[in-house]
Each structure stands twice: as C-alpha cells, then as structure tokens.
Amino acid sequence: MTTDFPAMRALSISSADAFILVYDVTDATTFDEVRMIRDQIHETKATTAVPIVVVGNKIDLLLENEDLREVEYATTESVVTVDWENGFVEVSAARNENITQLLPRMESRTDKRQNQFKS
C-alpha cells in the first residue's frame, strides 16, 4: 500500500479480512510505517480483533553483515506477538526463506479471531 492513495488504502482495509504487513529489517522507517498501517487498520475496522501477521523481510542481507539490521529481532517479536497480539516471522523473499511460515501463521491468527467471536 502506498501513502499516495489514502482513499485506496482505506477501501482496501475496509474490504479485507486479514493482513500481512511487511517491513525491511534493514530500514527502521519501514517498521514505523507498519505501525501506522496497523493503527489505521484498527481505526478503519473499529476493532483490534483483526488477523495480522507482521513480516520482517530481507534477512538475507544480514548473512554477510548483521550490522545492517536496524529493526532488532527480539524487541520486535515481543512487541508484535505480546503487545500487539499479532503473528510475526522474519523472511527472505529473495532466498525463499521462511516464506512457507506465512500461511500457517495467518491461518492461526484467523482461527484465533474466529474463535473469539464464537464464544
């Protein structure tokens, strides 16, 4: 999604049932954008009971130089899974690493939200 088309973003959010929010582990500003989009999702949906998986991408860039990491794994995982109660995974799209974890994590988030409404 892009900030150039706020009406399109709002329409996309209002019509979607689940979200995968991706940031670049080597660029902290992209995690800030994920935080803003997550807040917009909750505002648009008027609930925090929305299935969301947050994905840190580009971990392949860290193989040769861990110093490139701007978004610290442990803190981010804690914020996303404990504070936000969302799914979390780090991946490398370029190397197809951990990509297969996305669908099960999204299904888990969706199942948890559906069970909330059945109770």
PDB file of N, CA and C in Angstrom:
ATOM      1  N   MET A   1       0.844  -1.176   0.000  1.00  0.00           N
ATOM      2  CA  MET A   1       0.000   0.000   0.000  1.00  0.00           C
ATOM      3  C   MET A   1       0.884   1.231   0.000  1.00  0.00           C
ATOM      4  N   THR A   2       0.330   2.283  -0.482  1.00  0.00           N
ATOM      5  CA  THR A   2       1.134   3.486  -0.569  1.00  0.00           C
ATOM      6  C   THR A   2       0.415   4.677   0.043  1.00  0.00           C
ATOM      7  N   THR A   3       1.176   5.614   0.554  1.00  0.00           N
ATOM      8  CA  THR A   3       0.592   6.809   1.143  1.00  0.00           C
ATOM      9  C   THR A   3       0.116   7.778   0.067  1.00  0.00           C
ATOM     10  N   ASP A   4       0.424   7.505  -1.198  1.00  0.00           N
ATOM     11  CA  ASP A   4      -0.001   8.373  -2.283  1.00  0.00           C
ATOM     12  C   ASP A   4      -1.496   8.256  -2.575  1.00  0.00           C
ATOM     13  N   PHE A   5      -2.115   7.175  -2.120  1.00  0.00           N
ATOM     14  CA  PHE A   5      -3.518   6.932  -2.412  1.00  0.00           C
ATOM     15  C   PHE A   5      -4.267   6.557  -1.137  1.00  0.00           C
ATOM     16  N   PRO A   6      -4.490   7.525  -0.220  1.00  0.00           N
ATOM     17  CA  PRO A   6      -5.121   7.197   1.060  1.00  0.00           C
ATOM     18  C   PRO A   6      -6.538   6.637   0.914  1.00  0.00           C
ATOM     19  N   ALA A   7      -7.294   7.095  -0.049  1.00  0.00           N
ATOM     20  CA  ALA A   7      -8.647   6.574  -0.237  1.00  0.00           C
ATOM     21  C   ALA A   7      -8.603   5.115  -0.670  1.00  0.00           C
ATOM     22  N   MET A   8      -7.644   4.780  -1.529  1.00  0.00           N
ATOM     23  CA  MET A   8      -7.488   3.392  -1.975  1.00  0.00           C
ATOM     24  C   MET A   8      -7.068   2.511  -0.802  1.00  0.00           C
ATOM     25  N   ARG A   9      -6.184   3.014   0.053  1.00  0.00           N
ATOM     26  CA  ARG A   9      -5.757   2.257   1.225  1.00  0.00           C
ATOM     27  C   ARG A   9      -6.941   2.004   2.144  1.00  0.00           C
ATOM     28  N   ALA A  10      -7.724   3.038   2.421  1.00  0.00           N
ATOM     29  CA  ALA A  10      -8.887   2.889   3.306  1.00  0.00           C
ATOM     30  C   ALA A  10      -9.886   1.888   2.731  1.00  0.00           C
ATOM     31  N   LEU A  11     -10.116   1.931   1.432  1.00  0.00           N
ATOM     32  CA  LEU A  11     -11.022   0.976   0.789  1.00  0.00           C
ATOM     33  C   LEU A  11     -10.473  -0.437   0.888  1.00  0.00           C
ATOM     34  N   SER A  12      -9.186  -0.599   0.651  1.00  0.00           N
ATOM     35  CA  SER A  12      -8.555  -1.920   0.755  1.00  0.00           C
ATOM     36  C   SER A  12      -8.669  -2.464   2.171  1.00  0.00           C
ATOM     37  N   ILE A  13      -8.423  -1.621   3.152  1.00  0.00           N
ATOM     38  CA  ILE A  13      -8.516  -2.050   4.549  1.00  0.00           C
ATOM     39  C   ILE A  13      -9.944  -2.434   4.901  1.00  0.00           C
ATOM     40  N   SER A  14     -10.903  -1.629   4.502  1.00  0.00           N
ATOM     41  CA  SER A  14     -12.288  -1.909   4.877  1.00  0.00           C
ATOM     42  C   SER A  14     -12.818  -3.184   4.230  1.00  0.00           C
ATOM     43  N   SER A  15     -12.291  -3.554   3.083  1.00  0.00           N
ATOM     44  CA  SER A  15     -12.794  -4.745   2.393  1.00  0.00           C
ATOM     45  C   SER A  15     -12.001  -6.018   2.699  1.00  0.00           C
ATOM     46  N   ALA A  16     -10.858  -5.900   3.355  1.00  0.00           N
ATOM     47  CA  ALA A  16     -10.029  -7.078   3.645  1.00  0.00           C
ATOM     48  C   ALA A  16     -10.408  -7.704   4.985  1.00  0.00           C
ATOM     49  N   ASP A  17     -10.173  -9.009   5.094  1.00  0.00           N
ATOM     50  CA  ASP A  17     -10.459  -9.733   6.331  1.00  0.00           C
ATOM     51  C   ASP A  17      -9.202 -10.024   7.138  1.00  0.00           C
ATOM     52  N   ALA A  18      -8.039 -10.003   6.504  1.00  0.00           N
ATOM     53  CA  ALA A  18      -6.774 -10.306   7.159  1.00  0.00           C
ATOM     54  C   ALA A  18      -5.663  -9.533   6.454  1.00  0.00           C
ATOM     55  N   PHE A  19      -4.542  -9.353   7.175  1.00  0.00           N
ATOM     56  CA  PHE A  19      -3.476  -8.500   6.657  1.00  0.00           C
ATOM     57  C   PHE A  19      -2.104  -9.093   6.920  1.00  0.00           C
ATOM     58  N   ILE A  20      -1.222  -8.958   5.938  1.00  0.00           N
ATOM     59  CA  ILE A  20       0.196  -9.252   6.090  1.00  0.00           C
ATOM     60  C   ILE A  20       0.916  -7.922   5.889  1.00  0.00           C
ATOM     61  N   LEU A  21       1.582  -7.459   6.934  1.00  0.00           N
ATOM     62  CA  LEU A  21       2.293  -6.187   6.887  1.00  0.00           C
ATOM     63  C   LEU A  21       3.788  -6.473   6.853  1.00  0.00           C
ATOM     64  N   VAL A  22       4.466  -5.974   5.831  1.00  0.00           N
ATOM     65  CA  VAL A  22       5.874  -6.298   5.589  1.00  0.00           C
ATOM     66  C   VAL A  22       6.740  -5.062   5.791  1.00  0.00           C
ATOM     67  N   TYR A  23       7.857  -5.257   6.517  1.00  0.00           N
ATOM     68  CA  TYR A  23       8.847  -4.200   6.670  1.00  0.00           C
ATOM     69  C   TYR A  23      10.223  -4.766   6.327  1.00  0.00           C
ATOM     70  N   ASP A  24      11.171  -3.878   6.126  1.00  0.00           N
ATOM     71  CA  ASP A  24      12.553  -4.217   5.782  1.00  0.00           C
ATOM     72  C   ASP A  24      13.380  -4.196   7.069  1.00  0.00           C
ATOM     73  N   VAL A  25      13.978  -5.325   7.455  1.00  0.00           N
ATOM     74  CA  VAL A  25      14.746  -5.391   8.702  1.00  0.00           C
ATOM     75  C   VAL A  25      15.954  -4.464   8.700  1.00  0.00           C
ATOM     76  N   THR A  26      16.344  -3.959   7.524  1.00  0.00           N
ATOM     77  CA  THR A  26      17.492  -3.053   7.432  1.00  0.00           C
ATOM     78  C   THR A  26      17.074  -1.583   7.345  1.00  0.00           C
ATOM     79  N   ASP A  27      15.778  -1.303   7.569  1.00  0.00           N
ATOM     80  CA  ASP A  27      15.277   0.067   7.462  1.00  0.00           C
ATOM     81  C   ASP A  27      14.186   0.293   8.513  1.00  0.00           C
ATOM     82  N   ALA A  28      14.554   0.917   9.624  1.00  0.00           N
ATOM     83  CA  ALA A  28      13.622   1.112  10.739  1.00  0.00           C
ATOM     84  C   ALA A  28      12.400   1.935  10.362  1.00  0.00           C
ATOM     85  N   THR A  29      12.531   2.810   9.387  1.00  0.00           N
ATOM     86  CA  THR A  29      11.367   3.626   9.000  1.00  0.00           C
ATOM     87  C   THR A  29      10.250   2.766   8.424  1.00  0.00           C
ATOM     88  N   THR A  30      10.599   1.616   7.851  1.00  0.00           N
ATOM     89  CA  THR A  30       9.561   0.749   7.293  1.00  0.00           C
ATOM     90  C   THR A  30       8.756   0.080   8.405  1.00  0.00           C
ATOM     91  N   PHE A  31       9.379  -0.186   9.561  1.00  0.00           N
ATOM     92  CA  PHE A  31       8.622  -0.724  10.694  1.00  0.00           C
ATOM     93  C   PHE A  31       7.699   0.350  11.256  1.00  0.00           C
ATOM     94  N   ASP A  32       8.143   1.590  11.258  1.00  0.00           N
ATOM     95  CA  ASP A  32       7.272   2.695  11.685  1.00  0.00           C
ATOM     96  C   ASP A  32       6.037   2.772  10.795  1.00  0.00           C
ATOM     97  N   GLU A  33       6.237   2.554   9.508  1.00  0.00           N
ATOM     98  CA  GLU A  33       5.112   2.554   8.560  1.00  0.00           C
ATOM     99  C   GLU A  33       4.157   1.397   8.858  1.00  0.00           C
ATOM    100  N   VAL A  34       4.708   0.229   9.179  1.00  0.00           N
ATOM    101  CA  VAL A  34       3.863  -0.917   9.557  1.00  0.00           C
ATOM    102  C   VAL A  34       3.020  -0.555  10.781  1.00  0.00           C
ATOM    103  N   ARG A  35       3.635   0.088  11.760  1.00  0.00           N
ATOM    104  CA  ARG A  35       2.913   0.512  12.970  1.00  0.00           C
ATOM    105  C   ARG A  35       1.748   1.451  12.609  1.00  0.00           C
ATOM    106  N   MET A  36       2.008   2.402  11.718  1.00  0.00           N
ATOM    107  CA  MET A  36       0.957   3.340  11.311  1.00  0.00           C
ATOM    108  C   MET A  36      -0.165   2.630  10.548  1.00  0.00           C
ATOM    109  N   ILE A  37       0.200   1.711   9.671  1.00  0.00           N
ATOM    110  CA  ILE A  37      -0.807   0.968   8.909  1.00  0.00           C
ATOM    111  C   ILE A  37      -1.630   0.104   9.846  1.00  0.00           C
ATOM    112  N   ARG A  38      -0.979  -0.556  10.814  1.00  0.00           N
ATOM    113  CA  ARG A  38      -1.700  -1.366  11.796  1.00  0.00           C
ATOM    114  C   ARG A  38      -2.715  -0.509  12.561  1.00  0.00           C
ATOM    115  N   ASP A  39      -2.291   0.669  12.983  1.00  0.00           N
ATOM    116  CA  ASP A  39      -3.206   1.575  13.677  1.00  0.00           C
ATOM    117  C   ASP A  39      -4.373   1.970  12.781  1.00  0.00           C
ATOM    118  N   GLN A  40      -4.085   2.220  11.500  1.00  0.00           N
ATOM    119  CA  GLN A  40      -5.143   2.580  10.555  1.00  0.00           C
ATOM    120  C   GLN A  40      -6.111   1.410  10.352  1.00  0.00           C
ATOM    121  N   ILE A  41      -5.595   0.198  10.329  1.00  0.00           N
ATOM    122  CA  ILE A  41      -6.456  -0.983  10.203  1.00  0.00           C
ATOM    123  C   ILE A  41      -7.425  -1.043  11.380  1.00  0.00           C
ATOM    124  N   HIS A  42      -6.904  -0.879  12.597  1.00  0.00           N
ATOM    125  CA  HIS A  42      -7.759  -0.929  13.786  1.00  0.00           C
ATOM    126  C   HIS A  42      -8.784   0.191  13.776  1.00  0.00           C
ATOM    127  N   GLU A  43      -8.374   1.364  13.347  1.00  0.00           N
ATOM    128  CA  GLU A  43      -9.292   2.501  13.278  1.00  0.00           C
ATOM    129  C   GLU A  43     -10.383   2.269  12.235  1.00  0.00           C
ATOM    130  N   THR A  44      -9.987   1.818  11.055  1.00  0.00           N
ATOM    131  CA  THR A  44     -10.939   1.592   9.970  1.00  0.00           C
ATOM    132  C   THR A  44     -11.907   0.470  10.306  1.00  0.00           C
ATOM    133  N   LYS A  45     -11.381  -0.600  10.898  1.00  0.00           N
ATOM    134  CA  LYS A  45     -12.202  -1.765  11.246  1.00  0.00           C
ATOM    135  C   LYS A  45     -12.977  -1.555  12.549  1.00  0.00           C
ATOM    136  N   ALA A  46     -12.610  -0.517  13.315  1.00  0.00           N
ATOM    137  CA  ALA A  46     -13.228  -0.211  14.607  1.00  0.00           C
ATOM    138  C   ALA A  46     -13.105  -1.386  15.577  1.00  0.00           C
ATOM    139  N   THR A  47     -12.000  -2.117  15.482  1.00  0.00           N
ATOM    140  CA  THR A  47     -11.710  -3.229  16.370  1.00  0.00           C
ATOM    141  C   THR A  47     -10.237  -3.583  16.265  1.00  0.00           C
ATOM    142  N   THR A  48      -9.728  -4.200  17.329  1.00  0.00           N
ATOM    143  CA  THR A  48      -8.360  -4.725  17.281  1.00  0.00           C
ATOM    144  C   THR A  48      -8.373  -6.219  16.979  1.00  0.00           C
ATOM    145  N   ALA A  49      -9.551  -6.791  16.868  1.00  0.00           N
ATOM    146  CA  ALA A  49      -9.690  -8.228  16.591  1.00  0.00           C
ATOM    147  C   ALA A  49      -9.600  -8.480  15.089  1.00  0.00           C
ATOM    148  N   VAL A  50      -8.434  -8.184  14.535  1.00  0.00           N
ATOM    149  CA  VAL A  50      -8.195  -8.328  13.101  1.00  0.00           C
ATOM    150  C   VAL A  50      -6.973  -9.223  12.920  1.00  0.00           C
ATOM    151  N   PRO A  51      -7.070 -10.277  12.107  1.00  0.00           N
ATOM    152  CA  PRO A  51      -5.902 -11.129  11.878  1.00  0.00           C
ATOM    153  C   PRO A  51      -4.801 -10.380  11.122  1.00  0.00           C
ATOM    154  N   ILE A  52      -3.642 -10.260  11.778  1.00  0.00           N
ATOM    155  CA  ILE A  52      -2.493  -9.564  11.188  1.00  0.00           C
ATOM    156  C   ILE A  52      -1.244 -10.394  11.445  1.00  0.00           C
ATOM    157  N   VAL A  53      -0.426 -10.541  10.408  1.00  0.00           N
ATOM    158  CA  VAL A  53       0.911 -11.110  10.554  1.00  0.00           C
ATOM    159  C   VAL A  53       1.895 -10.040  10.095  1.00  0.00           C
ATOM    160  N   VAL A  54       2.866  -9.753  10.948  1.00  0.00           N
ATOM    161  CA  VAL A  54       3.898  -8.780  10.631  1.00  0.00           C
ATOM    162  C   VAL A  54       5.136  -9.555  10.167  1.00  0.00           C
ATOM    163  N   VAL A  55       5.676  -9.136   9.024  1.00  0.00           N
ATOM    164  CA  VAL A  55       6.776  -9.869   8.385  1.00  0.00           C
ATOM    165  C   VAL A  55       7.984  -8.951   8.223  1.00  0.00           C
ATOM    166  N   GLY A  56       9.092  -9.366   8.816  1.00  0.00           N
ATOM    167  CA  GLY A  56      10.367  -8.688   8.591  1.00  0.00           C
ATOM    168  C   GLY A  56      11.052  -9.341   7.403  1.00  0.00           C
ATOM    169  N   ASN A  57      11.296  -8.582   6.362  1.00  0.00           N
ATOM    170  CA  ASN A  57      11.880  -9.121   5.130  1.00  0.00           C
ATOM    171  C   ASN A  57      13.349  -8.710   5.005  1.00  0.00           C
ATOM    172  N   LYS A  58      14.049  -9.351   4.101  1.00  0.00           N
ATOM    173  CA  LYS A  58      15.440  -9.068   3.713  1.00  0.00           C
ATOM    174  C   LYS A  58      16.465  -9.586   4.717  1.00  0.00           C
ATOM    175  N   ILE A  59      16.130 -10.676   5.420  1.00  0.00           N
ATOM    176  CA  ILE A  59      17.113 -11.224   6.354  1.00  0.00           C
ATOM    177  C   ILE A  59      18.342 -11.771   5.639  1.00  0.00           C
ATOM    178  N   ASP A  60      18.237 -12.014   4.339  1.00  0.00           N
ATOM    179  CA  ASP A  60      19.397 -12.466   3.568  1.00  0.00           C
ATOM    180  C   ASP A  60      20.510 -11.420   3.567  1.00  0.00           C
ATOM    181  N   LEU A  61      20.162 -10.159   3.681  1.00  0.00           N
ATOM    182  CA  LEU A  61      21.173  -9.098   3.695  1.00  0.00           C
ATOM    183  C   LEU A  61      22.007  -9.128   4.971  1.00  0.00           C
ATOM    184  N   LEU A  62      21.489  -9.802   6.010  1.00  0.00           N
ATOM    185  CA  LEU A  62      22.184  -9.854   7.293  1.00  0.00           C
ATOM    186  C   LEU A  62      23.230 -10.961   7.343  1.00  0.00           C
ATOM    187  N   LEU A  63      23.190 -11.881   6.373  1.00  0.00           N
ATOM    188  CA  LEU A  63      24.119 -13.012   6.376  1.00  0.00           C
ATOM    189  C   LEU A  63      25.575 -12.562   6.334  1.00  0.00           C
ATOM    190  N   GLU A  64      25.845 -11.551   5.549  1.00  0.00           N
ATOM    191  CA  GLU A  64      27.214 -11.065   5.424  1.00  0.00           C
ATOM    192  C   GLU A  64      27.522  -9.924   6.381  1.00  0.00           C
ATOM    193  N   ASN A  65      26.483  -9.219   6.833  1.00  0.00           N
ATOM    194  CA  ASN A  65      26.720  -8.069   7.699  1.00  0.00           C
ATOM    195  C   ASN A  65      25.521  -7.831   8.614  1.00  0.00           C
ATOM    196  N   GLU A  66      25.572  -8.396   9.802  1.00  0.00           N
ATOM    197  CA  GLU A  66      24.484  -8.249  10.794  1.00  0.00           C
ATOM    198  C   GLU A  66      24.312  -6.781  11.200  1.00  0.00           C
ATOM    199  N   ASP A  67      25.345  -5.978  11.011  1.00  0.00           N
ATOM    200  CA  ASP A  67      25.262  -4.559  11.369  1.00  0.00           C
ATOM    201  C   ASP A  67      24.247  -3.797  10.521  1.00  0.00           C
ATOM    202  N   LEU A  68      23.824  -4.387   9.417  1.00  0.00           N
ATOM    203  CA  LEU A  68      22.808  -3.740   8.578  1.00  0.00           C
ATOM    204  C   LEU A  68      21.433  -3.723   9.253  1.00  0.00           C
ATOM    205  N   ARG A  69      21.229  -4.606  10.236  1.00  0.00           N
ATOM    206  CA  ARG A  69      19.932  -4.691  10.903  1.00  0.00           C
ATOM    207  C   ARG A  69      19.631  -3.399  11.656  1.00  0.00           C
ATOM    208  N   GLU A  70      18.469  -2.803  11.339  1.00  0.00           N
ATOM    209  CA  GLU A  70      18.001  -1.617  12.042  1.00  0.00           C
ATOM    210  C   GLU A  70      16.795  -1.920  12.927  1.00  0.00           C
ATOM    211  N   VAL A  71      16.145  -3.053  12.680  1.00  0.00           N
ATOM    212  CA  VAL A  71      14.969  -3.432  13.459  1.00  0.00           C
ATOM    213  C   VAL A  71      15.342  -4.699  14.224  1.00  0.00           C
ATOM    214  N   GLU A  72      15.561  -4.561  15.536  1.00  0.00           N
ATOM    215  CA  GLU A  72      16.068  -5.650  16.373  1.00  0.00           C
ATOM    216  C   GLU A  72      15.029  -6.754  16.526  1.00  0.00           C
ATOM    217  N   TYR A  73      15.460  -7.996  16.326  1.00  0.00           N
ATOM    218  CA  TYR A  73      14.545  -9.139  16.293  1.00  0.00           C
ATOM    219  C   TYR A  73      13.775  -9.333  17.602  1.00  0.00           C
ATOM    220  N   ALA A  74      14.475  -9.481  18.721  1.00  0.00           N
ATOM    221  CA  ALA A  74      13.822  -9.848  19.983  1.00  0.00           C
ATOM    222  C   ALA A  74      12.795  -8.806  20.418  1.00  0.00           C
ATOM    223  N   THR A  75      13.165  -7.546  20.343  1.00  0.00           N
ATOM    224  CA  THR A  75      12.238  -6.482  20.737  1.00  0.00           C
ATOM    225  C   THR A  75      11.028  -6.448  19.821  1.00  0.00           C
ATOM    226  N   THR A  76      11.268  -6.559  18.525  1.00  0.00           N
ATOM    227  CA  THR A  76      10.175  -6.521  17.555  1.00  0.00           C
ATOM    228  C   THR A  76       9.252  -7.710  17.735  1.00  0.00           C
ATOM    229  N   GLU A  77       9.823  -8.897  17.919  1.00  0.00           N
ATOM    230  CA  GLU A  77       8.992 -10.082  18.138  1.00  0.00           C
ATOM    231  C   GLU A  77       8.120  -9.910  19.371  1.00  0.00           C
ATOM    232  N   SER A  78       8.684  -9.369  20.440  1.00  0.00           N
ATOM    233  CA  SER A  78       7.925  -9.149  21.671  1.00  0.00           C
ATOM    234  C   SER A  78       6.803  -8.133  21.468  1.00  0.00           C
ATOM    235  N   VAL A  79       7.114  -7.028  20.835  1.00  0.00           N
ATOM    236  CA  VAL A  79       6.091  -6.005  20.571  1.00  0.00           C
ATOM    237  C   VAL A  79       4.963  -6.582  19.735  1.00  0.00           C
ATOM    238  N   VAL A  80       5.320  -7.269  18.665  1.00  0.00           N
ATOM    239  CA  VAL A  80       4.310  -7.774  17.728  1.00  0.00           C
ATOM    240  C   VAL A  80       3.484  -8.905  18.342  1.00  0.00           C
ATOM    241  N   THR A  81       4.135  -9.869  18.974  1.00  0.00           N
ATOM    242  CA  THR A  81       3.389 -11.044  19.460  1.00  0.00           C
ATOM    243  C   THR A  81       2.746 -10.838  20.825  1.00  0.00           C
ATOM    244  N   VAL A  82       3.405 -10.084  21.709  1.00  0.00           N
ATOM    245  CA  VAL A  82       2.872  -9.896  23.066  1.00  0.00           C
ATOM    246  C   VAL A  82       2.012  -8.638  23.157  1.00  0.00           C
ATOM    247  N   ASP A  83       2.588  -7.490  22.818  1.00  0.00           N
ATOM    248  CA  ASP A  83       1.851  -6.227  22.949  1.00  0.00           C
ATOM    249  C   ASP A  83       0.712  -6.123  21.933  1.00  0.00           C
ATOM    250  N   TRP A  84       1.016  -6.429  20.685  1.00  0.00           N
ATOM    251  CA  TRP A  84       0.008  -6.289  19.630  1.00  0.00           C
ATOM    252  C   TRP A  84      -0.848  -7.544  19.466  1.00  0.00           C
ATOM    253  N   GLU A  85      -0.349  -8.678  19.943  1.00  0.00           N
ATOM    254  CA  GLU A  85      -1.023  -9.975  19.781  1.00  0.00           C
ATOM    255  C   GLU A  85      -1.242 -10.328  18.308  1.00  0.00           C
ATOM    256  N   ASN A  86      -0.199 -10.087  17.518  1.00  0.00           N
ATOM    257  CA  ASN A  86      -0.213 -10.423  16.094  1.00  0.00           C
ATOM    258  C   ASN A  86       0.825 -11.508  15.823  1.00  0.00           C
ATOM    259  N   GLY A  87       0.725 -12.146  14.650  1.00  0.00           N
ATOM    260  CA  GLY A  87       1.734 -13.106  14.239  1.00  0.00           C
ATOM    261  C   GLY A  87       2.984 -12.390  13.772  1.00  0.00           C
ATOM    262  N   PHE A  88       4.115 -13.092  13.824  1.00  0.00           N
ATOM    263  CA  PHE A  88       5.391 -12.480  13.438  1.00  0.00           C
ATOM    264  C   PHE A  88       6.315 -13.525  12.836  1.00  0.00           C
ATOM    265  N   VAL A  89       7.011 -13.146  11.785  1.00  0.00           N
ATOM    266  CA  VAL A  89       8.029 -14.000  11.180  1.00  0.00           C
ATOM    267  C   VAL A  89       9.012 -13.109  10.419  1.00  0.00           C
ATOM    268  N   GLU A  90      10.277 -13.535  10.389  1.00  0.00           N
ATOM    269  CA  GLU A  90      11.254 -12.865   9.537  1.00  0.00           C
ATOM    270  C   GLU A  90      11.542 -13.773   8.354  1.00  0.00           C
ATOM    271  N   VAL A  91      11.692 -13.176   7.175  1.00  0.00           N
ATOM    272  CA  VAL A  91      11.848 -13.944   5.946  1.00  0.00           C
ATOM    273  C   VAL A  91      12.899 -13.310   5.033  1.00  0.00           C
ATOM    274  N   SER A  92      13.247 -14.080   4.025  1.00  0.00           N
ATOM    275  CA  SER A  92      13.997 -13.560   2.892  1.00  0.00           C
ATOM    276  C   SER A  92      13.206 -13.935   1.649  1.00  0.00           C
ATOM    277  N   ALA A  93      12.555 -12.978   1.057  1.00  0.00           N
ATOM    278  CA  ALA A  93      11.819 -13.247  -0.182  1.00  0.00           C
ATOM    279  C   ALA A  93      12.803 -13.627  -1.287  1.00  0.00           C
ATOM    280  N   ALA A  94      13.961 -13.000  -1.296  1.00  0.00           N
ATOM    281  CA  ALA A  94      14.957 -13.269  -2.335  1.00  0.00           C
ATOM    282  C   ALA A  94      15.454 -14.714  -2.287  1.00  0.00           C
ATOM    283  N   ARG A  95      15.584 -15.263  -1.079  1.00  0.00           N
ATOM    284  CA  ARG A  95      16.084 -16.632  -0.909  1.00  0.00           C
ATOM    285  C   ARG A  95      14.972 -17.636  -0.606  1.00  0.00           C
ATOM    286  N   ASN A  96      13.735 -17.161  -0.614  1.00  0.00           N
ATOM    287  CA  ASN A  96      12.571 -18.007  -0.319  1.00  0.00           C
ATOM    288  C   ASN A  96      12.682 -18.648   1.072  1.00  0.00           C
ATOM    289  N   GLU A  97      13.241 -17.912   2.010  1.00  0.00           N
ATOM    290  CA  GLU A  97      13.481 -18.421   3.363  1.00  0.00           C
ATOM    291  C   GLU A  97      12.331 -18.027   4.292  1.00  0.00           C
ATOM    292  N   ASN A  98      11.740 -19.021   4.940  1.00  0.00           N
ATOM    293  CA  ASN A  98      10.635 -18.866   5.894  1.00  0.00           C
ATOM    294  C   ASN A  98       9.320 -18.426   5.245  1.00  0.00           C
ATOM    295  N   ILE A  99       9.266 -18.354   3.942  1.00  0.00           N
ATOM    296  CA  ILE A  99       8.049 -17.930   3.252  1.00  0.00           C
ATOM    297  C   ILE A  99       6.901 -18.891   3.550  1.00  0.00           C
ATOM    298  N   THR A 100       7.206 -20.170   3.665  1.00  0.00           N
ATOM    299  CA  THR A 100       6.147 -21.148   3.917  1.00  0.00           C
ATOM    300  C   THR A 100       5.539 -20.997   5.310  1.00  0.00           C
ATOM    301  N   GLN A 101       6.144 -20.221   6.189  1.00  0.00           N
ATOM    302  CA  GLN A 101       5.593 -19.982   7.523  1.00  0.00           C
ATOM    303  C   GLN A 101       4.461 -18.952   7.508  1.00  0.00           C
ATOM    304  N   LEU A 102       4.347 -18.188   6.430  1.00  0.00           N
ATOM    305  CA  LEU A 102       3.349 -17.121   6.392  1.00  0.00           C
ATOM    306  C   LEU A 102       1.918 -17.639   6.452  1.00  0.00           C
ATOM    307  N   LEU A 103       1.581 -18.588   5.606  1.00  0.00           N
ATOM    308  CA  LEU A 103       0.203 -19.078   5.560  1.00  0.00           C
ATOM    309  C   LEU A 103      -0.225 -19.717   6.878  1.00  0.00           C
ATOM    310  N   PRO A 104       0.575 -20.621   7.465  1.00  0.00           N
ATOM    311  CA  PRO A 104       0.157 -21.176   8.758  1.00  0.00           C
ATOM    312  C   PRO A 104      -0.003 -20.104   9.850  1.00  0.00           C
ATOM    313  N   ARG A 105       0.845 -19.105   9.848  1.00  0.00           N
ATOM    314  CA  ARG A 105       0.732 -18.033  10.853  1.00  0.00           C
ATOM    315  C   ARG A 105      -0.540 -17.228  10.628  1.00  0.00           C
ATOM    316  N   MET A 106      -0.867 -16.968   9.361  1.00  0.00           N
ATOM    317  CA  MET A 106      -2.096 -16.233   9.071  1.00  0.00           C
ATOM    318  C   MET A 106      -3.305 -17.077   9.443  1.00  0.00           C
ATOM    319  N   GLU A 107      -3.268 -18.363   9.124  1.00  0.00           N
ATOM    320  CA  GLU A 107      -4.379 -19.239   9.485  1.00  0.00           C
ATOM    321  C   GLU A 107      -4.557 -19.278  10.999  1.00  0.00           C
ATOM    322  N   SER A 108      -3.468 -19.309  11.729  1.00  0.00           N
ATOM    323  CA  SER A 108      -3.529 -19.317  13.187  1.00  0.00           C
ATOM    324  C   SER A 108      -4.179 -18.039  13.701  1.00  0.00           C
ATOM    325  N   ARG A 109      -3.802 -16.890  13.135  1.00  0.00           N
ATOM    326  CA  ARG A 109      -4.378 -15.602  13.556  1.00  0.00           C
ATOM    327  C   ARG A 109      -5.865 -15.569  13.224  1.00  0.00           C
ATOM    328  N   THR A 110      -6.236 -16.065  12.040  1.00  0.00           N
ATOM    329  CA  THR A 110      -7.629 -16.060  11.607  1.00  0.00           C
ATOM    330  C   THR A 110      -8.453 -16.979  12.501  1.00  0.00           C
ATOM    331  N   ASP A 111      -7.937 -18.172  12.811  1.00  0.00           N
ATOM    332  CA  ASP A 111      -8.647 -19.110  13.683  1.00  0.00           C
ATOM    333  C   ASP A 111      -8.869 -18.521  15.069  1.00  0.00           C
ATOM    334  N   LYS A 112      -7.856 -17.857  15.625  1.00  0.00           N
ATOM    335  CA  LYS A 112      -7.986 -17.256  16.954  1.00  0.00           C
ATOM    336  C   LYS A 112      -9.074 -16.194  16.956  1.00  0.00           C
ATOM    337  N   ARG A 113      -9.109 -15.373  15.925  1.00  0.00           N
ATOM    338  CA  ARG A 113     -10.119 -14.307  15.859  1.00  0.00           C
ATOM    339  C   ARG A 113     -11.513 -14.897  15.685  1.00  0.00           C
ATOM    340  N   GLN A 114     -11.656 -15.923  14.872  1.00  0.00           N
ATOM    341  CA  GLN A 114     -12.965 -16.548  14.672  1.00  0.00           C
ATOM    342  C   GLN A 114     -13.458 -17.190  15.958  1.00  0.00           C
ATOM    343  N   ASN A 115     -12.580 -17.824  16.710  1.00  0.00           N
ATOM    344  CA  ASN A 115     -12.957 -18.444  17.973  1.00  0.00           C
ATOM    345  C   ASN A 115     -13.375 -17.408  19.004  1.00  0.00           C
ATOM    346  N   GLN A 116     -12.802 -16.209  18.938  1.00  0.00           N
ATOM    347  CA  GLN A 116     -13.193 -15.122  19.834  1.00  0.00           C
ATOM    348  C   GLN A 116     -14.661 -14.777  19.660  1.00  0.00           C
ATOM    349  N   PHE A 117     -15.129 -14.783  18.437  1.00  0.00           N
ATOM    350  CA  PHE A 117     -16.494 -14.378  18.144  1.00  0.00           C
ATOM    351  C   PHE A 117     -17.494 -15.507  18.384  1.00  0.00           C
ATOM    352  N   LYS A 118     -17.038 -16.749  18.461  1.00  0.00           N
ATOM    353  CA  LYS A 118     -17.926 -17.873  18.716  1.00  0.00           C
ATOM    354  C   LYS A 118     -18.258 -18.004  20.181  1.00  0.00           C
ATOM    355  N   SER A 119     -17.379 -17.501  21.046  1.00  0.00           N
ATOM    356  CA  SER A 119     -17.564 -17.648  22.493  1.00  0.00           C
ATOM    357  C   SER A 119     -18.716 -16.811  22.999  1.00  0.00           C
TER     358      SER A 119
END
